[in-house]
Amino acid sequence: MNVKKPELLYLDHAAATPMDEHVLAAMQPFFQDEFFNPSSPYAPAVQARRAYDDAKHRLAVAIGGKSDEVIVTAGATESINLVFAGITGHVVVSAVEHPAVLEAARRHEHTIVPVDAKGSVLPEAVAGAIRPDTVLVSIQLANNELGTIQPLRDIATVVKAERQRRAEGGEATPIYLHSDASQGAGQIDIHVARLGVDALTLNAGKMYGPKQVGLLWAAGHVTLSPLIVGGGQERGLRSGTENVAGAVGFAVALERASRHAAGEARRLAQLRDTLQRELLAAFPEAVVSGNQKKRLAGHLHISFPGIDAERLVFLLEAKRVLVATGSACAANKNTRSHVLEAIGLSPEVADGSLRITLGRLSNESTSAQALAIIVDMVRFEQQRMKK
């Protein structure tokens, strides 16, 4: 992949990823030469329609679904809201969900399930939160701050057992399992049948695809209501002229991310483990959060107690290292991370937290350079705090 700014040491792949050159090449024709509205009747527009339908088919195949179950959206937030818009009953979510899920849940009667100290959702806690009127359980595949991979298959077993109980008892209330898998694609399995989900959200911008493009996969038995009405595109569930370029780019990005997932995960885990080992050697008091046995390969959440992480981020940027304190989607609210509160981190530890997320722009050289700068800047801040 061509890196436009090699002088920057980018450690925030969970927030955004650069577009894969193969993705850009696949999208390029639809910006100028093949710009046609796929709903128009003439031949060039029919070709655009075929390209769009083919992209949806490829997206569906990549996750093990059917193309008529895929809705292309403007991102994961829209996809999440579309799932919740069709719900009229009680919903269950975890305490560490993305703000898009938590805010959507607050529009319904809801229960927030706590997590353990590693940020893991316990299936038995989900089972205990389900009520007779629960219609939706929404649990992320992996946490965007900690990298903790949730036991989604076990949670799916809980939901299926409740569905079976209702069927045997003659109860008509449905229950669905949705997962926001925005952080998982390209590192772990996102096959919907193997996960056991009824609905799945993905974000192209997290997997080296175009920004503002996402998808919602929803099995045929899931009830949905449109957020956007108009011309009736996407089976009436998402009106508006279809984003042909975005869908085509998304398909290429997802295929490439899935194809290289296992090897990329091994590579990133080695880089992350080296960073973690060296940072803990330099700062024994540092705290690594998340489930270290079940976390995304590129994620390292590490806290330096007593350090102001927001100030540290600016100091690191001045030295070419781009890193985050937590979720970029909520970083401008100047509030402590709800994820870190959920796992019980003290304010002193939480306020000193960095989220380091590696990706395709990461290698041994860039990681070593970033490591040296982080060590220097943390020591600089520690000395400053002593004065």
Protein backbone atom coordinates (compact mmCIF):
# COMPACT_ATOMS: atom_id res chain seq x y z
CA MET A 1 0.00 0.00 0.00
CA ASN A 2 1.28 3.48 -0.86
CA VAL A 3 1.67 5.65 2.23
CA LYS A 4 1.21 9.34 1.48
CA LYS A 5 2.88 10.59 4.64
CA PRO A 6 5.69 8.21 5.58
CA GLU A 7 6.92 10.68 8.17
CA LEU A 8 3.89 9.96 10.36
CA LEU A 9 3.82 6.97 12.69
CA TYR A 10 0.16 6.00 12.65
CA LEU A 11 -1.10 3.98 15.62
CA ASP A 12 -4.84 4.62 15.36
CA HIS A 13 -6.16 2.08 12.85
CA ALA A 14 -9.27 1.49 14.99
CA ALA A 15 -10.37 5.04 14.20
CA ALA A 16 -9.72 5.07 10.46
CA THR A 17 -7.75 3.21 7.83
CA PRO A 18 -6.25 4.44 4.56
CA MET A 19 -7.95 3.22 1.42
CA ASP A 20 -6.44 0.13 -0.15
CA GLU A 21 -5.06 0.94 -3.61
CA HIS A 22 -7.06 -1.95 -5.10
CA VAL A 23 -10.22 -0.49 -3.58
CA LEU A 24 -9.52 2.93 -5.04
CA ALA A 25 -8.84 1.45 -8.47
CA ALA A 26 -12.12 -0.47 -8.40
CA MET A 27 -14.09 2.65 -7.43
CA GLN A 28 -12.43 5.08 -9.83
CA PRO A 29 -14.53 4.34 -12.96
CA PHE A 30 -17.77 5.11 -11.12
CA PHE A 31 -16.69 8.65 -10.28
CA GLN A 32 -16.53 9.76 -13.93
CA ASP A 33 -16.91 7.32 -16.82
CA GLU A 34 -19.57 5.10 -15.23
CA PHE A 35 -21.38 7.73 -13.19
CA PHE A 36 -24.89 6.64 -14.14
CA ASN A 37 -27.89 6.30 -11.85
CA PRO A 38 -28.48 2.55 -11.45
CA SER A 39 -32.25 3.09 -11.52
CA SER A 40 -32.25 4.62 -15.01
CA PRO A 41 -33.42 2.45 -17.96
CA TYR A 42 -30.66 2.91 -20.56
CA ALA A 43 -27.76 0.51 -21.09
CA PRO A 44 -24.97 2.36 -19.22
CA ALA A 45 -27.24 2.69 -16.17
CA VAL A 46 -28.11 -0.99 -16.41
CA GLN A 47 -24.38 -1.70 -16.27
CA ALA A 48 -24.15 0.43 -13.13
CA ARG A 49 -27.02 -1.57 -11.66
CA ARG A 50 -25.21 -4.81 -12.45
CA ALA A 51 -22.05 -3.51 -10.79
CA TYR A 52 -24.03 -2.55 -7.69
CA ASP A 53 -25.86 -5.86 -7.50
CA ASP A 54 -22.61 -7.75 -8.04
CA ALA A 55 -20.99 -5.78 -5.19
CA LYS A 56 -23.87 -6.65 -2.86
CA HIS A 57 -23.56 -10.30 -3.85
CA ARG A 58 -19.83 -10.27 -3.09
CA LEU A 59 -20.44 -8.57 0.26
CA ALA A 60 -23.03 -11.20 1.13
CA VAL A 61 -20.77 -14.08 0.12
CA ALA A 62 -17.93 -12.66 2.24
CA ILE A 63 -20.06 -12.88 5.38
CA GLY A 64 -22.03 -16.00 4.49
CA GLY A 65 -25.34 -14.27 3.80
CA LYS A 66 -27.64 -13.63 0.86
CA SER A 67 -27.48 -10.51 -1.28
CA ASP A 68 -31.14 -9.65 -0.67
CA GLU A 69 -30.34 -9.59 3.06
CA VAL A 70 -27.65 -6.89 2.64
CA ILE A 71 -28.43 -3.18 2.83
CA VAL A 72 -25.66 -0.76 1.90
CA THR A 73 -25.69 2.27 4.19
CA ALA A 74 -23.65 5.38 4.92
CA GLY A 75 -21.76 3.69 7.74
CA ALA A 76 -22.07 1.54 10.83
CA THR A 77 -23.96 4.17 12.82
CA GLU A 78 -26.77 4.24 10.26
CA SER A 79 -26.81 0.44 10.10
CA ILE A 80 -27.12 0.20 13.88
CA ASN A 81 -29.93 2.73 13.97
CA LEU A 82 -31.74 0.86 11.19
CA VAL A 83 -31.75 -2.31 13.30
CA PHE A 84 -33.11 -0.51 16.34
CA ALA A 85 -35.72 1.39 14.30
CA GLY A 86 -37.63 -1.84 13.68
CA ILE A 87 -37.82 -2.73 17.36
CA THR A 88 -40.86 -2.02 19.53
CA GLY A 89 -40.00 -4.06 22.62
CA HIS A 90 -37.28 -4.34 25.25
CA VAL A 91 -33.62 -4.44 24.21
CA VAL A 92 -30.48 -5.76 25.89
CA VAL A 93 -27.04 -4.24 25.27
CA SER A 94 -23.70 -4.38 27.05
CA ALA A 95 -22.05 -1.61 29.03
CA VAL A 96 -19.11 -1.42 26.60
CA GLU A 97 -21.01 -0.99 23.35
CA HIS A 98 -20.17 1.77 20.89
CA PRO A 99 -22.08 5.01 21.60
CA ALA A 100 -24.17 4.39 18.47
CA VAL A 101 -25.63 1.26 20.07
CA LEU A 102 -26.05 2.77 23.52
CA GLU A 103 -27.79 5.88 22.21
CA ALA A 104 -30.08 3.82 19.98
CA ALA A 105 -30.92 1.58 22.95
CA ARG A 106 -31.88 4.58 25.07
CA ARG A 107 -34.80 5.22 22.73
CA HIS A 108 -36.29 1.93 23.92
CA GLU A 109 -36.92 0.26 27.22
CA HIS A 110 -33.55 -1.33 27.75
CA THR A 111 -31.22 -3.20 30.06
CA ILE A 112 -27.47 -2.60 30.09
CA VAL A 113 -25.51 -5.73 30.94
CA PRO A 114 -22.29 -5.19 32.95
CA VAL A 115 -18.97 -6.70 31.91
CA ASP A 116 -16.11 -8.24 33.84
CA ALA A 117 -12.79 -6.53 34.55
CA LYS A 118 -11.47 -7.59 31.14
CA GLY A 119 -14.39 -6.04 29.29
CA SER A 120 -15.98 -9.39 28.47
CA VAL A 121 -19.74 -9.82 28.31
CA LEU A 122 -20.80 -12.91 30.25
CA PRO A 123 -23.42 -15.04 28.46
CA GLU A 124 -25.13 -15.81 31.76
CA ALA A 125 -25.51 -12.07 32.39
CA VAL A 126 -27.21 -11.71 29.01
CA ALA A 127 -29.50 -14.63 29.87
CA GLY A 128 -30.41 -12.94 33.14
CA ALA A 129 -31.25 -9.67 31.39
CA ILE A 130 -33.62 -11.17 28.81
CA ARG A 131 -37.30 -10.61 29.60
CA PRO A 132 -40.43 -12.06 27.99
CA ASP A 133 -40.75 -8.84 25.98
CA THR A 134 -37.10 -8.63 24.90
CA VAL A 135 -36.95 -8.33 21.12
CA LEU A 136 -33.31 -7.43 20.50
CA VAL A 137 -29.96 -8.32 22.05
CA SER A 138 -27.10 -6.26 20.62
CA ILE A 139 -23.56 -7.26 21.58
CA GLN A 140 -20.44 -6.11 19.75
CA LEU A 141 -18.09 -8.65 18.20
CA ALA A 142 -15.01 -6.86 19.56
CA ASN A 143 -14.56 -3.75 21.66
CA ASN A 144 -13.21 -0.71 19.87
CA GLU A 145 -11.22 0.55 22.88
CA LEU A 146 -9.93 -2.59 24.58
CA GLY A 147 -9.92 -4.97 21.64
CA THR A 148 -11.69 -7.59 23.78
CA ILE A 149 -13.39 -10.21 21.59
CA GLN A 150 -16.81 -11.07 22.95
CA PRO A 151 -18.11 -14.65 23.32
CA LEU A 152 -20.71 -14.03 20.64
CA ARG A 153 -21.30 -17.68 19.77
CA ASP A 154 -22.13 -18.45 23.41
CA ILE A 155 -24.45 -15.44 23.55
CA ALA A 156 -26.09 -16.68 20.34
CA THR A 157 -26.77 -19.97 22.11
CA VAL A 158 -28.53 -18.05 24.89
CA VAL A 159 -30.70 -16.15 22.41
CA LYS A 160 -31.57 -19.29 20.45
CA ALA A 161 -32.57 -21.07 23.66
CA GLU A 162 -34.93 -18.21 24.53
CA ARG A 163 -36.36 -18.28 21.00
CA GLN A 164 -36.97 -22.01 21.32
CA ARG A 165 -38.60 -21.56 24.72
CA ARG A 166 -40.99 -19.00 23.28
CA ALA A 167 -41.82 -21.18 20.31
CA GLU A 168 -42.59 -24.16 22.54
CA GLY A 169 -44.73 -21.96 24.79
CA GLY A 170 -46.68 -20.48 21.92
CA GLU A 171 -45.31 -16.98 22.49
CA ALA A 172 -45.31 -14.73 19.43
CA THR A 173 -42.66 -12.20 20.53
CA PRO A 174 -39.54 -12.58 18.39
CA ILE A 175 -35.99 -12.17 19.67
CA TYR A 176 -33.00 -11.26 17.52
CA LEU A 177 -29.25 -11.08 18.09
CA HIS A 178 -27.43 -8.19 16.42
CA SER A 179 -23.70 -7.58 16.50
CA ASP A 180 -21.71 -4.50 15.62
CA ALA A 181 -18.71 -6.16 13.97
CA SER A 182 -17.08 -2.95 12.75
CA GLN A 183 -13.82 -3.68 14.58
CA GLY A 184 -13.61 -7.38 13.78
CA ALA A 185 -13.47 -7.61 10.00
CA GLY A 186 -10.05 -8.44 8.66
CA GLN A 187 -8.85 -9.95 11.94
CA ILE A 188 -11.46 -12.49 13.08
CA ASP A 189 -14.26 -14.58 11.59
CA ILE A 190 -17.38 -12.61 10.62
CA HIS A 191 -19.35 -15.43 8.99
CA VAL A 192 -22.92 -14.84 10.16
CA ALA A 193 -23.90 -18.51 10.43
CA ARG A 194 -20.83 -19.40 12.47
CA LEU A 195 -21.38 -16.40 14.73
CA GLY A 196 -25.04 -17.30 15.13
CA VAL A 197 -26.34 -13.76 14.67
CA ASP A 198 -29.55 -12.52 13.08
CA ALA A 199 -28.12 -9.14 12.07
CA LEU A 200 -24.61 -7.80 11.56
CA THR A 201 -23.15 -4.32 11.08
CA LEU A 202 -19.93 -3.55 9.20
CA ASN A 203 -18.04 -0.35 8.37
CA ALA A 204 -15.94 -0.11 5.19
CA GLY A 205 -13.81 2.69 6.63
CA LYS A 206 -12.43 0.36 9.31
CA MET A 207 -11.11 -2.16 6.75
CA TYR A 208 -9.24 0.00 4.21
CA GLY A 209 -12.40 0.77 2.27
CA PRO A 210 -14.24 4.04 1.57
CA LYS A 211 -15.45 6.24 4.41
CA GLN A 212 -19.18 6.76 4.93
CA VAL A 213 -20.02 3.31 3.59
CA GLY A 214 -21.36 0.49 5.72
CA LEU A 215 -23.73 -2.40 5.58
CA LEU A 216 -26.43 -4.04 7.56
CA TRP A 217 -26.98 -7.74 7.05
CA ALA A 218 -30.32 -8.85 8.45
CA ALA A 219 -31.71 -12.36 8.08
CA GLY A 220 -35.05 -12.63 6.33
CA HIS A 221 -36.99 -13.17 9.55
CA VAL A 222 -35.77 -9.89 11.11
CA THR A 223 -38.32 -7.07 11.08
CA LEU A 224 -36.90 -3.75 9.86
CA SER A 225 -38.42 -0.28 9.47
CA PRO A 226 -36.85 2.37 7.21
CA LEU A 227 -35.02 5.35 8.61
CA ILE A 228 -34.92 7.04 5.20
CA VAL A 229 -37.99 7.07 2.97
CA GLY A 230 -38.33 8.20 -0.62
CA GLY A 231 -37.78 6.31 -3.84
CA GLY A 232 -37.98 2.87 -2.28
CA GLN A 233 -34.47 1.65 -2.98
CA GLU A 234 -33.06 -1.29 -0.98
CA ARG A 235 -36.47 -2.97 -0.80
CA GLY A 236 -37.94 0.23 0.62
CA LEU A 237 -35.66 0.07 3.65
CA ARG A 238 -33.11 2.66 2.59
CA SER A 239 -34.28 5.13 -0.03
CA GLY A 240 -31.89 7.24 -2.08
CA THR A 241 -29.78 6.70 -5.18
CA GLU A 242 -27.49 3.76 -4.58
CA ASN A 243 -23.81 4.43 -3.91
CA VAL A 244 -22.34 2.27 -6.67
CA ALA A 245 -18.73 3.35 -6.15
CA GLY A 246 -19.00 2.85 -2.39
CA ALA A 247 -20.53 -0.61 -2.69
CA VAL A 248 -17.94 -1.74 -5.23
CA GLY A 249 -15.09 -0.42 -3.08
CA PHE A 250 -16.57 -2.00 0.04
CA ALA A 251 -16.79 -5.39 -1.68
CA VAL A 252 -13.13 -5.28 -2.69
CA ALA A 253 -12.06 -4.10 0.77
CA LEU A 254 -14.00 -6.83 2.57
CA GLU A 255 -12.78 -9.56 0.24
CA ARG A 256 -9.16 -8.50 0.64
CA ALA A 257 -9.45 -8.07 4.40
CA SER A 258 -11.04 -11.50 4.77
CA ARG A 259 -8.54 -13.19 2.46
CA HIS A 260 -5.54 -11.94 4.43
CA ALA A 261 -7.11 -11.97 7.91
CA ALA A 262 -5.23 -14.89 9.44
CA GLY A 263 -1.78 -13.83 8.28
CA GLU A 264 -2.38 -10.19 9.11
CA ALA A 265 -3.60 -11.08 12.59
CA ARG A 266 -0.42 -13.07 13.27
CA ARG A 267 1.76 -10.22 12.02
CA LEU A 268 -0.03 -7.57 14.07
CA ALA A 269 -0.05 -9.71 17.21
CA GLN A 270 3.74 -10.03 17.04
CA LEU A 271 4.16 -6.27 16.69
CA ARG A 272 1.67 -5.57 19.47
CA ASP A 273 3.21 -8.08 21.86
CA THR A 274 6.63 -6.53 21.33
CA LEU A 275 5.25 -3.06 22.04
CA GLN A 276 3.47 -4.30 25.15
CA ARG A 277 6.51 -6.15 26.45
CA GLU A 278 8.85 -3.19 25.94
CA LEU A 279 6.45 -0.63 27.40
CA LEU A 280 5.88 -2.74 30.51
CA ALA A 281 9.64 -3.23 30.86
CA ALA A 282 10.13 0.54 30.74
CA PHE A 283 7.12 1.29 32.97
CA PRO A 284 6.34 -1.62 35.33
CA GLU A 285 3.54 0.41 36.88
CA ALA A 286 1.68 0.60 33.55
CA VAL A 287 -1.66 -1.19 33.28
CA VAL A 288 -2.75 -3.19 30.22
CA SER A 289 -6.54 -3.48 29.97
CA GLY A 290 -8.73 -5.88 28.06
CA ASN A 291 -8.83 -9.63 27.70
CA GLN A 292 -5.24 -10.46 26.75
CA LYS A 293 -6.17 -13.99 25.68
CA LYS A 294 -9.12 -12.91 23.54
CA ARG A 295 -8.46 -9.56 21.93
CA LEU A 296 -7.94 -8.15 18.46
CA ALA A 297 -4.41 -8.65 17.22
CA GLY A 298 -3.70 -4.98 16.60
CA HIS A 299 -5.09 -3.62 19.87
CA LEU A 300 -3.07 -2.51 22.88
CA HIS A 301 -4.82 -0.50 25.59
CA ILE A 302 -2.22 0.66 28.09
CA SER A 303 -2.44 3.16 30.94
CA PHE A 304 0.31 5.15 32.62
CA PRO A 305 -1.11 6.07 36.05
CA GLY A 306 -0.75 9.72 36.96
CA ILE A 307 -0.11 10.83 33.37
CA ASP A 308 -2.55 13.09 31.52
CA ALA A 309 -3.12 11.02 28.38
CA GLU A 310 -4.75 13.87 26.47
CA ARG A 311 -1.64 15.99 26.96
CA LEU A 312 0.52 12.98 26.07
CA VAL A 313 -1.34 12.54 22.78
CA PHE A 314 -0.47 16.10 21.76
CA LEU A 315 3.16 15.63 22.76
CA LEU A 316 3.34 12.44 20.72
CA GLU A 317 1.78 14.12 17.71
CA ALA A 318 4.50 16.76 17.85
CA LYS A 319 6.96 13.86 17.55
CA ARG A 320 5.11 12.30 14.56
CA VAL A 321 3.25 9.60 16.53
CA LEU A 322 -0.52 9.56 16.03
CA VAL A 323 -2.36 7.68 18.76
CA ALA A 324 -5.67 7.96 20.61
CA THR A 325 -6.89 7.96 24.18
CA GLY A 326 -10.03 5.99 23.30
CA SER A 327 -12.90 5.93 20.83
CA ALA A 328 -12.50 8.71 18.28
CA CYS A 329 -16.29 8.85 17.94
CA ALA A 330 -16.63 10.18 21.50
CA ALA A 331 -13.19 11.68 22.07
CA ASN A 332 -14.35 15.28 21.66
CA LYS A 333 -16.83 15.12 24.54
CA ASN A 334 -14.16 15.52 27.25
CA THR A 335 -15.76 12.81 29.36
CA ARG A 336 -14.14 9.73 30.83
CA SER A 337 -14.55 6.62 28.70
CA HIS A 338 -17.69 4.66 29.57
CA VAL A 339 -15.77 1.51 28.63
CA LEU A 340 -13.04 2.16 31.20
CA GLU A 341 -15.65 2.98 33.82
CA ALA A 342 -17.44 -0.28 33.00
CA ILE A 343 -14.31 -2.35 33.69
CA GLY A 344 -13.68 -0.52 36.94
CA LEU A 345 -10.51 1.43 36.18
CA SER A 346 -9.75 4.13 38.72
CA PRO A 347 -9.76 7.72 37.43
CA GLU A 348 -5.98 7.92 37.83
CA VAL A 349 -5.46 4.88 35.63
CA ALA A 350 -8.23 5.71 33.16
CA ASP A 351 -6.98 9.25 32.60
CA GLY A 352 -3.53 7.94 31.66
CA SER A 353 -4.78 5.59 28.95
CA LEU A 354 -3.58 5.23 25.39
CA ARG A 355 -5.28 3.09 22.76
CA ILE A 356 -2.65 1.83 20.33
CA THR A 357 -4.12 0.12 17.29
CA LEU A 358 -1.86 -1.31 14.62
CA GLY A 359 -2.66 -2.10 11.01
CA ARG A 360 -1.27 -2.26 7.50
CA LEU A 361 0.81 0.89 8.00
CA SER A 362 2.58 -0.79 10.92
CA ASN A 363 5.82 -2.75 10.64
CA GLU A 364 8.85 -3.50 12.79
CA SER A 365 10.54 -0.24 11.87
CA THR A 366 7.57 2.05 12.49
CA SER A 367 6.71 0.22 15.72
CA ALA A 368 10.28 0.53 17.01
CA GLN A 369 10.35 4.24 16.20
CA ALA A 370 6.99 4.81 17.87
CA LEU A 371 8.04 2.80 20.92
CA ALA A 372 11.14 4.92 21.47
CA ILE A 373 9.16 8.14 21.19
CA ILE A 374 6.38 6.95 23.52
CA VAL A 375 8.94 5.91 26.14
CA ASP A 376 10.69 9.28 25.89
CA MET A 377 7.46 11.27 26.15
CA VAL A 378 6.06 9.29 29.08
CA ARG A 379 9.35 9.73 30.94
CA PHE A 380 9.30 13.43 30.08
CA GLU A 381 5.82 13.73 31.57
CA GLN A 382 6.76 11.75 34.65
CA GLN A 383 9.69 14.07 35.28
CA ARG A 384 7.50 17.11 34.73
CA MET A 385 4.94 15.82 37.23
CA LYS A 386 7.65 15.47 39.89
CA LYS A 387 8.64 19.12 39.70
